[in-house]
Amino acid sequence: MISAIRAAIAAIQAASVREKMLADRKISLTVNGKPVEVAAGTSVAAAVMMAGEPSRFSVTGEARAPLCGMGICMECRMTVDGVPQRRGCQLLCADGMEVQSS
C-alpha cells in the first residue's frame, strides 16, 4: 500500500515538472499577420484571443469568439496553416504556425 502511495506521489511530482517545463517554453506564431508568443501547450483559440483578434465574423459582420472551448459550438473555426475550418480550441500552437481568424 505504501509503495502505491509513493508511486502516485512520484507521478504527480513528475507531471508538475513537465507542466513547468512546458510553461517555460515559448511558441511563436502569427495571428492575422500579428506576431504572437505563447506558452507551449496553448490552444490556437487562446492565442487568437491573446492577440486581441476575433475568431471569426458572423454573416451579419459581428465579431465572434470561442464559446464552448471543446469544439462543439464551432465559433472557433479559423484557417490554420492554409487549412480552412479548423477548430482552434482543439489545436495546440506550434512554432511558425500561421492563423487567419476572420
Foldseek 3Di string as FASTA:
>chain_A
DVVVVVVVVVVVVVVVVVVVVQQVDWAWEEEQNHIFIHGFPDFQLVRCVVVVAAQEADPVGHGFGDDPLPPDVLRNWWAKQNRGGDRRSVHTGHHHIYIYRD
